[in-house]
């Protein structure tokens, strides 16, 4: 089930429609239903508020005005913490023009950890 700050792909008419981030999930007046606030990642950004039940937030298909809709949680393809590729210093790569021999690339993530 998707939760606050999750990225979701909203399928409209059984086709990918748009990406959105779940901003808030709060109980609706009707028991078992939730007010879901979505930040729609379009230009310009838009905020949608939908009233959904738990199964719909979890990815079950539903309709809005007869149009089939479904939320699909997006899982990041980024490597898990602890398996970072940026911490390795590459030794045998060809040098670019103007780059000093022996120059070292310092990842920004390592600099942030030291502060």
PDB file of N, CA and C in Angstrom:
ATOM      1  N   UNK A   1       0.836  -1.185   0.000  1.00  0.00           N
ATOM      2  CA  UNK A   1       0.000   0.000   0.000  1.00  0.00           C
ATOM      3  C   UNK A   1       0.879   1.246   0.000  1.00  0.00           C
ATOM      4  N   UNK A   2       0.489   2.232  -0.753  1.00  0.00           N
ATOM      5  CA  UNK A   2       1.224   3.490  -0.813  1.00  0.00           C
ATOM      6  C   UNK A   2       0.958   4.297   0.461  1.00  0.00           C
ATOM      7  N   UNK A   3       1.969   5.030   0.899  1.00  0.00           N
ATOM      8  CA  UNK A   3       1.861   5.868   2.094  1.00  0.00           C
ATOM      9  C   UNK A   3       2.323   7.287   1.755  1.00  0.00           C
ATOM     10  N   UNK A   4       2.265   8.172   2.735  1.00  0.00           N
ATOM     11  CA  UNK A   4       2.666   9.565   2.534  1.00  0.00           C
ATOM     12  C   UNK A   4       4.109   9.624   2.030  1.00  0.00           C
ATOM     13  N   UNK A   5       4.353  10.499   1.074  1.00  0.00           N
ATOM     14  CA  UNK A   5       5.633  10.740   0.392  1.00  0.00           C
ATOM     15  C   UNK A   5       6.001   9.680  -0.638  1.00  0.00           C
ATOM     16  N   UNK A   6       5.159   8.685  -0.850  1.00  0.00           N
ATOM     17  CA  UNK A   6       5.423   7.704  -1.904  1.00  0.00           C
ATOM     18  C   UNK A   6       5.113   8.313  -3.265  1.00  0.00           C
ATOM     19  N   UNK A   7       5.858   7.867  -4.250  1.00  0.00           N
ATOM     20  CA  UNK A   7       5.618   8.260  -5.634  1.00  0.00           C
ATOM     21  C   UNK A   7       4.719   7.198  -6.256  1.00  0.00           C
ATOM     22  N   UNK A   8       3.666   7.637  -6.941  1.00  0.00           N
ATOM     23  CA  UNK A   8       2.746   6.697  -7.575  1.00  0.00           C
ATOM     24  C   UNK A   8       2.581   7.049  -9.050  1.00  0.00           C
ATOM     25  N   UNK A   9       2.336   6.029  -9.842  1.00  0.00           N
ATOM     26  CA  UNK A   9       1.981   6.208 -11.245  1.00  0.00           C
ATOM     27  C   UNK A   9       0.479   6.000 -11.324  1.00  0.00           C
ATOM     28  N   UNK A  10      -0.229   7.003 -11.816  1.00  0.00           N
ATOM     29  CA  UNK A  10      -1.683   6.919 -11.921  1.00  0.00           C
ATOM     30  C   UNK A  10      -2.032   6.462 -13.337  1.00  0.00           C
ATOM     31  N   UNK A  11      -2.693   5.314 -13.404  1.00  0.00           N
ATOM     32  CA  UNK A  11      -3.149   4.782 -14.693  1.00  0.00           C
ATOM     33  C   UNK A  11      -4.562   5.299 -14.943  1.00  0.00           C
ATOM     34  N   UNK A  12      -4.786   5.859 -16.119  1.00  0.00           N
ATOM     35  CA  UNK A  12      -6.100   6.349 -16.519  1.00  0.00           C
ATOM     36  C   UNK A  12      -6.489   5.602 -17.797  1.00  0.00           C
ATOM     37  N   UNK A  13      -7.672   4.997 -17.768  1.00  0.00           N
ATOM     38  CA  UNK A  13      -8.147   4.167 -18.882  1.00  0.00           C
ATOM     39  C   UNK A  13      -7.139   3.071 -19.231  1.00  0.00           C
ATOM     40  N   UNK A  14      -6.591   2.444 -18.202  1.00  0.00           N
ATOM     41  CA  UNK A  14      -5.652   1.321 -18.312  1.00  0.00           C
ATOM     42  C   UNK A  14      -4.354   1.666 -19.023  1.00  0.00           C
ATOM     43  N   UNK A  15      -3.980   2.949 -19.045  1.00  0.00           N
ATOM     44  CA  UNK A  15      -2.707   3.400 -19.614  1.00  0.00           C
ATOM     45  C   UNK A  15      -2.035   4.321 -18.604  1.00  0.00           C
ATOM     46  N   UNK A  16      -0.701   4.339 -18.553  1.00  0.00           N
ATOM     47  CA  UNK A  16      -0.026   5.281 -17.651  1.00  0.00           C
ATOM     48  C   UNK A  16      -0.466   6.711 -17.960  1.00  0.00           C
ATOM     49  N   UNK A  17      -0.902   7.427 -16.910  1.00  0.00           N
ATOM     50  CA  UNK A  17      -1.406   8.780 -17.104  1.00  0.00           C
ATOM     51  C   UNK A  17      -0.447   9.849 -16.618  1.00  0.00           C
ATOM     52  N   UNK A  18      -0.076   9.780 -15.331  1.00  0.00           N
ATOM     53  CA  UNK A  18       0.812  10.780 -14.750  1.00  0.00           C
ATOM     54  C   UNK A  18       1.401  10.252 -13.448  1.00  0.00           C
ATOM     55  N   UNK A  19       2.498  10.896 -13.036  1.00  0.00           N
ATOM     56  CA  UNK A  19       3.120  10.591 -11.751  1.00  0.00           C
ATOM     57  C   UNK A  19       2.621  11.586 -10.717  1.00  0.00           C
ATOM     58  N   UNK A  20       2.544  11.140  -9.472  1.00  0.00           N
ATOM     59  CA  UNK A  20       2.144  12.016  -8.377  1.00  0.00           C
ATOM     60  C   UNK A  20       2.817  11.541  -7.094  1.00  0.00           C
ATOM     61  N   UNK A  21       2.989  12.473  -6.163  1.00  0.00           N
ATOM     62  CA  UNK A  21       3.495  12.128  -4.833  1.00  0.00           C
ATOM     63  C   UNK A  21       2.343  12.269  -3.854  1.00  0.00           C
ATOM     64  N   UNK A  22       2.197  11.304  -2.964  1.00  0.00           N
ATOM     65  CA  UNK A  22       1.143  11.368  -1.956  1.00  0.00           C
ATOM     66  C   UNK A  22       1.591  12.343  -0.876  1.00  0.00           C
ATOM     67  N   UNK A  23       0.870  13.438  -0.751  1.00  0.00           N
ATOM     68  CA  UNK A  23       1.201  14.487   0.208  1.00  0.00           C
ATOM     69  C   UNK A  23       0.592  14.220   1.577  1.00  0.00           C
ATOM     70  N   UNK A  24      -0.642  13.701   1.593  1.00  0.00           N
ATOM     71  CA  UNK A  24      -1.333  13.498   2.867  1.00  0.00           C
ATOM     72  C   UNK A  24      -2.401  12.430   2.688  1.00  0.00           C
ATOM     73  N   UNK A  25      -2.631  11.674   3.745  1.00  0.00           N
ATOM     74  CA  UNK A  25      -3.736  10.719   3.799  1.00  0.00           C
ATOM     75  C   UNK A  25      -4.423  10.946   5.137  1.00  0.00           C
ATOM     76  N   UNK A  26      -5.663  11.388   5.095  1.00  0.00           N
ATOM     77  CA  UNK A  26      -6.393  11.652   6.340  1.00  0.00           C
ATOM     78  C   UNK A  26      -7.763  10.979   6.267  1.00  0.00           C
ATOM     79  N   UNK A  27      -8.323  10.615   7.427  1.00  0.00           N
ATOM     80  CA  UNK A  27      -9.610   9.917   7.427  1.00  0.00           C
ATOM     81  C   UNK A  27     -10.728  10.798   6.861  1.00  0.00           C
ATOM     82  N   UNK A  28     -11.607  10.180   6.118  1.00  0.00           N
ATOM     83  CA  UNK A  28     -12.776  10.875   5.590  1.00  0.00           C
ATOM     84  C   UNK A  28     -13.906  10.753   6.610  1.00  0.00           C
ATOM     85  N   UNK A  29     -14.985  11.488   6.384  1.00  0.00           N
ATOM     86  CA  UNK A  29     -16.140  11.417   7.275  1.00  0.00           C
ATOM     87  C   UNK A  29     -16.756  10.022   7.219  1.00  0.00           C
ATOM     88  N   UNK A  30     -16.733   9.437   6.040  1.00  0.00           N
ATOM     89  CA  UNK A  30     -17.291   8.100   5.836  1.00  0.00           C
ATOM     90  C   UNK A  30     -16.285   7.062   6.338  1.00  0.00           C
ATOM     91  N   UNK A  31     -16.684   6.177   7.263  1.00  0.00           N
ATOM     92  CA  UNK A  31     -15.751   5.180   7.804  1.00  0.00           C
ATOM     93  C   UNK A  31     -15.169   4.278   6.710  1.00  0.00           C
ATOM     94  N   UNK A  32     -13.851   4.009   6.809  1.00  0.00           N
ATOM     95  CA  UNK A  32     -13.172   3.138   5.857  1.00  0.00           C
ATOM     96  C   UNK A  32     -12.690   3.850   4.610  1.00  0.00           C
ATOM     97  N   UNK A  33     -12.927   5.145   4.519  1.00  0.00           N
ATOM     98  CA  UNK A  33     -12.504   5.930   3.364  1.00  0.00           C
ATOM     99  C   UNK A  33     -11.503   6.983   3.806  1.00  0.00           C
ATOM    100  N   UNK A  34     -10.652   7.383   2.871  1.00  0.00           N
ATOM    101  CA  UNK A  34      -9.551   8.304   3.183  1.00  0.00           C
ATOM    102  C   UNK A  34      -9.498   9.445   2.177  1.00  0.00           C
ATOM    103  N   UNK A  35      -9.161  10.638   2.656  1.00  0.00           N
ATOM    104  CA  UNK A  35      -8.916  11.773   1.771  1.00  0.00           C
ATOM    105  C   UNK A  35      -7.431  11.753   1.427  1.00  0.00           C
ATOM    106  N   UNK A  36      -7.129  11.533   0.163  1.00  0.00           N
ATOM    107  CA  UNK A  36      -5.749  11.401  -0.306  1.00  0.00           C
ATOM    108  C   UNK A  36      -5.401  12.653  -1.107  1.00  0.00           C
ATOM    109  N   UNK A  37      -4.367  13.345  -0.651  1.00  0.00           N
ATOM    110  CA  UNK A  37      -3.916  14.566  -1.325  1.00  0.00           C
ATOM    111  C   UNK A  37      -2.705  14.208  -2.174  1.00  0.00           C
ATOM    112  N   UNK A  38      -2.790  14.437  -3.490  1.00  0.00           N
ATOM    113  CA  UNK A  38      -1.734  14.086  -4.438  1.00  0.00           C
ATOM    114  C   UNK A  38      -1.109  15.345  -5.025  1.00  0.00           C
ATOM    115  N   UNK A  39       0.221  15.393  -5.053  1.00  0.00           N
ATOM    116  CA  UNK A  39       0.942  16.436  -5.774  1.00  0.00           C
ATOM    117  C   UNK A  39       1.229  15.862  -7.153  1.00  0.00           C
ATOM    118  N   UNK A  40       0.513  16.346  -8.152  1.00  0.00           N
ATOM    119  CA  UNK A  40       0.642  15.826  -9.510  1.00  0.00           C
ATOM    120  C   UNK A  40       1.863  16.468 -10.155  1.00  0.00           C
ATOM    121  N   UNK A  41       2.789  15.629 -10.617  1.00  0.00           N
ATOM    122  CA  UNK A  41       4.069  16.096 -11.141  1.00  0.00           C
ATOM    123  C   UNK A  41       3.948  16.445 -12.620  1.00  0.00           C
ATOM    124  N   UNK A  42       3.262  17.535 -12.872  1.00  0.00           N
ATOM    125  CA  UNK A  42       3.106  18.075 -14.217  1.00  0.00           C
ATOM    126  C   UNK A  42       3.608  19.508 -14.189  1.00  0.00           C
ATOM    127  N   UNK A  43       3.592  20.143 -15.332  1.00  0.00           N
ATOM    128  CA  UNK A  43       3.966  21.552 -15.356  1.00  0.00           C
ATOM    129  C   UNK A  43       2.760  22.349 -15.801  1.00  0.00           C
ATOM    130  N   UNK A  44       2.203  23.209 -14.988  1.00  0.00           N
ATOM    131  CA  UNK A  44       2.579  23.505 -13.609  1.00  0.00           C
ATOM    132  C   UNK A  44       2.118  22.391 -12.664  1.00  0.00           C
ATOM    133  N   UNK A  45       2.723  22.360 -11.471  1.00  0.00           N
ATOM    134  CA  UNK A  45       2.330  21.379 -10.458  1.00  0.00           C
ATOM    135  C   UNK A  45       0.864  21.591 -10.087  1.00  0.00           C
ATOM    136  N   UNK A  46       0.183  20.494  -9.777  1.00  0.00           N
ATOM    137  CA  UNK A  46      -1.223  20.574  -9.384  1.00  0.00           C
ATOM    138  C   UNK A  46      -1.439  19.716  -8.152  1.00  0.00           C
ATOM    139  N   UNK A  47      -2.436  20.062  -7.368  1.00  0.00           N
ATOM    140  CA  UNK A  47      -2.816  19.277  -6.197  1.00  0.00           C
ATOM    141  C   UNK A  47      -4.202  18.688  -6.465  1.00  0.00           C
ATOM    142  N   UNK A  48      -4.311  17.356  -6.333  1.00  0.00           N
ATOM    143  CA  UNK A  48      -5.601  16.685  -6.443  1.00  0.00           C
ATOM    144  C   UNK A  48      -5.942  16.130  -5.069  1.00  0.00           C
ATOM    145  N   UNK A  49      -7.213  16.171  -4.710  1.00  0.00           N
ATOM    146  CA  UNK A  49      -7.697  15.524  -3.491  1.00  0.00           C
ATOM    147  C   UNK A  49      -8.748  14.506  -3.892  1.00  0.00           C
ATOM    148  N   UNK A  50      -8.466  13.253  -3.606  1.00  0.00           N
ATOM    149  CA  UNK A  50      -9.378  12.176  -3.943  1.00  0.00           C
ATOM    150  C   UNK A  50      -9.803  11.468  -2.670  1.00  0.00           C
ATOM    151  N   UNK A  51     -11.034  10.963  -2.650  1.00  0.00           N
ATOM    152  CA  UNK A  51     -11.521  10.158  -1.536  1.00  0.00           C
ATOM    153  C   UNK A  51     -11.486   8.704  -1.998  1.00  0.00           C
ATOM    154  N   UNK A  52     -10.620   7.907  -1.339  1.00  0.00           N
ATOM    155  CA  UNK A  52     -10.386   6.516  -1.736  1.00  0.00           C
ATOM    156  C   UNK A  52     -10.486   5.606  -0.525  1.00  0.00           C
ATOM    157  N   UNK A  53     -10.758   4.320  -0.767  1.00  0.00           N
ATOM    158  CA  UNK A  53     -10.675   3.358   0.334  1.00  0.00           C
ATOM    159  C   UNK A  53      -9.285   2.719   0.324  1.00  0.00           C
ATOM    160  N   UNK A  54      -8.999   1.903   1.341  1.00  0.00           N
ATOM    161  CA  UNK A  54      -7.645   1.336   1.486  1.00  0.00           C
ATOM    162  C   UNK A  54      -7.225   0.493   0.293  1.00  0.00           C
ATOM    163  N   UNK A  55      -8.148  -0.285  -0.250  1.00  0.00           N
ATOM    164  CA  UNK A  55      -7.777  -1.145  -1.381  1.00  0.00           C
ATOM    165  C   UNK A  55      -7.395  -0.313  -2.602  1.00  0.00           C
ATOM    166  N   UNK A  56      -8.068   0.811  -2.804  1.00  0.00           N
ATOM    167  CA  UNK A  56      -7.751   1.684  -3.934  1.00  0.00           C
ATOM    168  C   UNK A  56      -6.393   2.351  -3.750  1.00  0.00           C
ATOM    169  N   UNK A  57      -6.068   2.742  -2.523  1.00  0.00           N
ATOM    170  CA  UNK A  57      -4.745   3.313  -2.237  1.00  0.00           C
ATOM    171  C   UNK A  57      -3.678   2.245  -2.456  1.00  0.00           C
ATOM    172  N   UNK A  58      -4.034   0.996  -2.184  1.00  0.00           N
ATOM    173  CA  UNK A  58      -3.112  -0.122  -2.345  1.00  0.00           C
ATOM    174  C   UNK A  58      -2.950  -0.611  -3.775  1.00  0.00           C
ATOM    175  N   UNK A  59      -3.693  -0.056  -4.718  1.00  0.00           N
ATOM    176  CA  UNK A  59      -3.501  -0.434  -6.113  1.00  0.00           C
ATOM    177  C   UNK A  59      -4.681  -1.100  -6.785  1.00  0.00           C
ATOM    178  N   UNK A  60      -5.789  -1.260  -6.071  1.00  0.00           N
ATOM    179  CA  UNK A  60      -6.971  -1.867  -6.699  1.00  0.00           C
ATOM    180  C   UNK A  60      -7.581  -0.887  -7.705  1.00  0.00           C
ATOM    181  N   UNK A  61      -8.023  -1.394  -8.854  1.00  0.00           N
ATOM    182  CA  UNK A  61      -8.635  -0.500  -9.843  1.00  0.00           C
ATOM    183  C   UNK A  61      -9.983   0.027  -9.355  1.00  0.00           C
ATOM    184  N   UNK A  62     -10.320   1.241  -9.785  1.00  0.00           N
ATOM    185  CA  UNK A  62     -11.604   1.850  -9.460  1.00  0.00           C
ATOM    186  C   UNK A  62     -11.992   2.759 -10.622  1.00  0.00           C
ATOM    187  N   UNK A  63     -13.174   3.353 -10.543  1.00  0.00           N
ATOM    188  CA  UNK A  63     -13.593   4.270 -11.606  1.00  0.00           C
ATOM    189  C   UNK A  63     -13.919   5.634 -11.013  1.00  0.00           C
ATOM    190  N   UNK A  64     -13.708   6.660 -11.825  1.00  0.00           N
ATOM    191  CA  UNK A  64     -14.104   8.032 -11.483  1.00  0.00           C
ATOM    192  C   UNK A  64     -14.917   8.546 -12.657  1.00  0.00           C
ATOM    193  N   UNK A  65     -16.206   8.718 -12.437  1.00  0.00           N
ATOM    194  CA  UNK A  65     -17.073   9.172 -13.521  1.00  0.00           C
ATOM    195  C   UNK A  65     -17.084   8.204 -14.690  1.00  0.00           C
ATOM    196  N   UNK A  66     -16.937   6.910 -14.410  1.00  0.00           N
ATOM    197  CA  UNK A  66     -16.934   5.893 -15.453  1.00  0.00           C
ATOM    198  C   UNK A  66     -15.576   5.639 -16.087  1.00  0.00           C
ATOM    199  N   UNK A  67     -14.551   6.419 -15.700  1.00  0.00           N
ATOM    200  CA  UNK A  67     -13.204   6.252 -16.249  1.00  0.00           C
ATOM    201  C   UNK A  67     -12.386   5.345 -15.334  1.00  0.00           C
ATOM    202  N   UNK A  68     -11.824   4.241 -15.853  1.00  0.00           N
ATOM    203  CA  UNK A  68     -10.997   3.365 -15.022  1.00  0.00           C
ATOM    204  C   UNK A  68      -9.712   4.075 -14.572  1.00  0.00           C
ATOM    205  N   UNK A  69      -9.413   3.957 -13.266  1.00  0.00           N
ATOM    206  CA  UNK A  69      -8.228   4.582 -12.668  1.00  0.00           C
ATOM    207  C   UNK A  69      -7.578   3.568 -11.742  1.00  0.00           C
ATOM    208  N   UNK A  70      -6.255   3.645 -11.621  1.00  0.00           N
ATOM    209  CA  UNK A  70      -5.527   2.759 -10.704  1.00  0.00           C
ATOM    210  C   UNK A  70      -4.249   3.461 -10.260  1.00  0.00           C
ATOM    211  N   UNK A  71      -3.903   3.333  -8.969  1.00  0.00           N
ATOM    212  CA  UNK A  71      -2.645   3.854  -8.440  1.00  0.00           C
ATOM    213  C   UNK A  71      -1.637   2.716  -8.364  1.00  0.00           C
ATOM    214  N   UNK A  72      -0.429   2.962  -8.848  1.00  0.00           N
ATOM    215  CA  UNK A  72       0.644   1.967  -8.770  1.00  0.00           C
ATOM    216  C   UNK A  72       1.845   2.610  -8.083  1.00  0.00           C
ATOM    217  N   UNK A  73       2.250   2.045  -6.952  1.00  0.00           N
ATOM    218  CA  UNK A  73       3.406   2.574  -6.229  1.00  0.00           C
ATOM    219  C   UNK A  73       4.663   2.393  -7.080  1.00  0.00           C
ATOM    220  N   UNK A  74       5.484   3.451  -7.152  1.00  0.00           N
ATOM    221  CA  UNK A  74       6.721   3.411  -7.927  1.00  0.00           C
ATOM    222  C   UNK A  74       7.865   3.071  -6.980  1.00  0.00           C
ATOM    223  N   UNK A  75       8.636   2.045  -7.332  1.00  0.00           N
ATOM    224  CA  UNK A  75       9.790   1.634  -6.538  1.00  0.00           C
ATOM    225  C   UNK A  75      11.041   2.174  -7.216  1.00  0.00           C
ATOM    226  N   UNK A  76      11.877   2.858  -6.454  1.00  0.00           N
ATOM    227  CA  UNK A  76      13.081   3.475  -7.002  1.00  0.00           C
ATOM    228  C   UNK A  76      14.086   2.422  -7.451  1.00  0.00           C
ATOM    229  N   UNK A  77      14.688   2.612  -8.632  1.00  0.00           N
ATOM    230  CA  UNK A  77      15.719   1.681  -9.084  1.00  0.00           C
ATOM    231  C   UNK A  77      17.082   1.987  -8.475  1.00  0.00           C
ATOM    232  N   UNK A  78      17.166   2.995  -7.614  1.00  0.00           N
ATOM    233  CA  UNK A  78      18.439   3.382  -6.993  1.00  0.00           C
ATOM    234  C   UNK A  78      18.945   2.260  -6.095  1.00  0.00           C
ATOM    235  N   UNK A  79      20.269   2.131  -5.960  1.00  0.00           N
ATOM    236  CA  UNK A  79      20.821   1.086  -5.097  1.00  0.00           C
ATOM    237  C   UNK A  79      20.450   1.329  -3.637  1.00  0.00           C
ATOM    238  N   UNK A  80      20.366   0.250  -2.888  1.00  0.00           N
ATOM    239  CA  UNK A  80      20.046   0.332  -1.464  1.00  0.00           C
ATOM    240  C   UNK A  80      21.193   0.986  -0.700  1.00  0.00           C
ATOM    241  N   UNK A  81      20.888   1.535   0.467  1.00  0.00           N
ATOM    242  CA  UNK A  81      21.922   2.151   1.306  1.00  0.00           C
ATOM    243  C   UNK A  81      22.952   1.097   1.680  1.00  0.00           C
ATOM    244  N   UNK A  82      24.214   1.485   1.672  1.00  0.00           N
ATOM    245  CA  UNK A  82      25.287   0.548   1.974  1.00  0.00           C
ATOM    246  C   UNK A  82      25.910  -0.038   0.724  1.00  0.00           C
ATOM    247  N   UNK A  83      25.186  -0.013  -0.383  1.00  0.00           N
ATOM    248  CA  UNK A  83      25.713  -0.512  -1.654  1.00  0.00           C
ATOM    249  C   UNK A  83      25.876   0.658  -2.612  1.00  0.00           C
ATOM    250  N   UNK A  84      26.610   1.657  -2.200  1.00  0.00           N
ATOM    251  CA  UNK A  84      26.750   2.845  -3.032  1.00  0.00           C
ATOM    252  C   UNK A  84      27.876   2.678  -4.029  1.00  0.00           C
ATOM    253  N   UNK A  85      27.610   3.087  -5.253  1.00  0.00           N
ATOM    254  CA  UNK A  85      28.618   3.018  -6.301  1.00  0.00           C
ATOM    255  C   UNK A  85      29.478   4.265  -6.324  1.00  0.00           C
ATOM    256  N   UNK A  86      28.977   5.358  -5.743  1.00  0.00           N
ATOM    257  CA  UNK A  86      29.695   6.619  -5.837  1.00  0.00           C
ATOM    258  C   UNK A  86      30.933   6.669  -4.946  1.00  0.00           C
ATOM    259  N   UNK A  87      31.063   5.757  -3.998  1.00  0.00           N
ATOM    260  CA  UNK A  87      32.193   5.828  -3.079  1.00  0.00           C
ATOM    261  C   UNK A  87      33.473   5.223  -3.668  1.00  0.00           C
ATOM    262  N   UNK A  88      33.348   4.488  -4.751  1.00  0.00           N
ATOM    263  CA  UNK A  88      34.540   3.882  -5.358  1.00  0.00           C
ATOM    264  C   UNK A  88      35.298   4.921  -6.180  1.00  0.00           C
ATOM    265  N   UNK A  89      36.612   4.991  -5.996  1.00  0.00           N
ATOM    266  CA  UNK A  89      37.453   5.888  -6.784  1.00  0.00           C
ATOM    267  C   UNK A  89      37.965   5.093  -7.968  1.00  0.00           C
ATOM    268  N   UNK A  90      37.753   5.617  -9.153  1.00  0.00           N
ATOM    269  CA  UNK A  90      38.152   4.908 -10.368  1.00  0.00           C
ATOM    270  C   UNK A  90      39.585   5.284 -10.710  1.00  0.00           C
ATOM    271  N   UNK A  91      40.416   4.280 -10.881  1.00  0.00           N
ATOM    272  CA  UNK A  91      41.836   4.502 -11.103  1.00  0.00           C
ATOM    273  C   UNK A  91      42.232   4.468 -12.571  1.00  0.00           C
ATOM    274  N   UNK A  92      41.674   3.572 -13.356  1.00  0.00           N
ATOM    275  CA  UNK A  92      42.165   3.328 -14.709  1.00  0.00           C
ATOM    276  C   UNK A  92      41.295   3.937 -15.800  1.00  0.00           C
ATOM    277  N   UNK A  93      40.703   5.084 -15.551  1.00  0.00           N
ATOM    278  CA  UNK A  93      39.912   5.739 -16.578  1.00  0.00           C
ATOM    279  C   UNK A  93      40.773   6.725 -17.338  1.00  0.00           C
ATOM    280  N   UNK A  94      40.519   6.893 -18.632  1.00  0.00           N
ATOM    281  CA  UNK A  94      41.298   7.871 -19.399  1.00  0.00           C
ATOM    282  C   UNK A  94      41.020   9.285 -18.897  1.00  0.00           C
ATOM    283  N   UNK A  95      42.047  10.116 -18.917  1.00  0.00           N
ATOM    284  CA  UNK A  95      41.936  11.494 -18.447  1.00  0.00           C
ATOM    285  C   UNK A  95      41.349  12.374 -19.541  1.00  0.00           C
ATOM    286  N   UNK A  96      40.535  13.321 -19.165  1.00  0.00           N
ATOM    287  CA  UNK A  96      39.988  14.292 -20.103  1.00  0.00           C
ATOM    288  C   UNK A  96      41.020  15.380 -20.343  1.00  0.00           C
ATOM    289  N   UNK A  97      40.906  16.070 -21.476  1.00  0.00           N
ATOM    290  CA  UNK A  97      41.811  17.183 -21.761  1.00  0.00           C
ATOM    291  C   UNK A  97      41.674  18.235 -20.672  1.00  0.00           C
ATOM    292  N   UNK A  98      42.776  18.743 -20.187  1.00  0.00           N
ATOM    293  CA  UNK A  98      42.761  19.780 -19.167  1.00  0.00           C
ATOM    294  C   UNK A  98      42.671  19.233 -17.751  1.00  0.00           C
ATOM    295  N   UNK A  99      42.446  17.937 -17.593  1.00  0.00           N
ATOM    296  CA  UNK A  99      42.361  17.367 -16.255  1.00  0.00           C
ATOM    297  C   UNK A  99      43.759  17.000 -15.783  1.00  0.00           C
ATOM    298  N   UNK A 100      44.096  17.399 -14.595  1.00  0.00           N
ATOM    299  CA  UNK A 100      45.426  17.122 -14.054  1.00  0.00           C
ATOM    300  C   UNK A 100      45.562  15.636 -13.754  1.00  0.00           C
ATOM    301  N   UNK A 101      46.765  15.121 -14.013  1.00  0.00           N
ATOM    302  CA  UNK A 101      47.035  13.722 -13.689  1.00  0.00           C
ATOM    303  C   UNK A 101      46.982  13.573 -12.176  1.00  0.00           C
ATOM    304  N   UNK A 102      46.375  12.532 -11.704  1.00  0.00           N
ATOM    305  CA  UNK A 102      46.284  12.287 -10.270  1.00  0.00           C
ATOM    306  C   UNK A 102      45.124  13.031  -9.621  1.00  0.00           C
ATOM    307  N   UNK A 103      44.284  13.696 -10.419  1.00  0.00           N
ATOM    308  CA  UNK A 103      43.131  14.392  -9.854  1.00  0.00           C
ATOM    309  C   UNK A 103      42.173  13.361  -9.271  1.00  0.00           C
ATOM    310  N   UNK A 104      41.490  13.744  -8.219  1.00  0.00           N
ATOM    311  CA  UNK A 104      40.621  12.821  -7.517  1.00  0.00           C
ATOM    312  C   UNK A 104      39.197  13.378  -7.516  1.00  0.00           C
ATOM    313  N   UNK A 105      38.234  12.534  -7.794  1.00  0.00           N
ATOM    314  CA  UNK A 105      36.837  12.935  -7.750  1.00  0.00           C
ATOM    315  C   UNK A 105      36.337  12.699  -6.336  1.00  0.00           C
ATOM    316  N   UNK A 106      35.764  13.740  -5.744  1.00  0.00           N
ATOM    317  CA  UNK A 106      35.234  13.635  -4.389  1.00  0.00           C
ATOM    318  C   UNK A 106      33.712  13.714  -4.476  1.00  0.00           C
ATOM    319  N   UNK A 107      33.012  12.622  -4.177  1.00  0.00           N
ATOM    320  CA  UNK A 107      31.554  12.635  -4.245  1.00  0.00           C
ATOM    321  C   UNK A 107      30.962  13.587  -3.204  1.00  0.00           C
ATOM    322  N   UNK A 108      29.885  14.261  -3.566  1.00  0.00           N
ATOM    323  CA  UNK A 108      29.234  15.188  -2.649  1.00  0.00           C
ATOM    324  C   UNK A 108      28.644  14.477  -1.444  1.00  0.00           C
ATOM    325  N   UNK A 109      28.195  13.234  -1.631  1.00  0.00           N
ATOM    326  CA  UNK A 109      27.601  12.513  -0.516  1.00  0.00           C
ATOM    327  C   UNK A 109      28.602  12.319   0.618  1.00  0.00           C
ATOM    328  N   UNK A 110      29.866  12.051   0.287  1.00  0.00           N
ATOM    329  CA  UNK A 110      30.885  11.869   1.313  1.00  0.00           C
ATOM    330  C   UNK A 110      31.157  13.168   2.050  1.00  0.00           C
ATOM    331  N   UNK A 111      31.077  14.303   1.361  1.00  0.00           N
ATOM    332  CA  UNK A 111      31.320  15.594   1.994  1.00  0.00           C
ATOM    333  C   UNK A 111      30.204  15.919   2.976  1.00  0.00           C
ATOM    334  N   UNK A 112      28.963  15.554   2.645  1.00  0.00           N
ATOM    335  CA  UNK A 112      27.838  15.846   3.529  1.00  0.00           C
ATOM    336  C   UNK A 112      27.918  15.040   4.817  1.00  0.00           C
ATOM    337  N   UNK A 113      28.442  13.824   4.743  1.00  0.00           N
ATOM    338  CA  UNK A 113      28.531  12.973   5.926  1.00  0.00           C
ATOM    339  C   UNK A 113      29.481  13.551   6.964  1.00  0.00           C
ATOM    340  N   UNK A 114      30.509  14.262   6.509  1.00  0.00           N
ATOM    341  CA  UNK A 114      31.515  14.805   7.418  1.00  0.00           C
ATOM    342  C   UNK A 114      31.026  16.004   8.207  1.00  0.00           C
ATOM    343  N   UNK A 115      29.957  16.636   7.787  1.00  0.00           N
ATOM    344  CA  UNK A 115      29.459  17.844   8.475  1.00  0.00           C
ATOM    345  C   UNK A 115      28.558  17.506   9.611  1.00  0.00           C
TER     346      UNK A 115
END
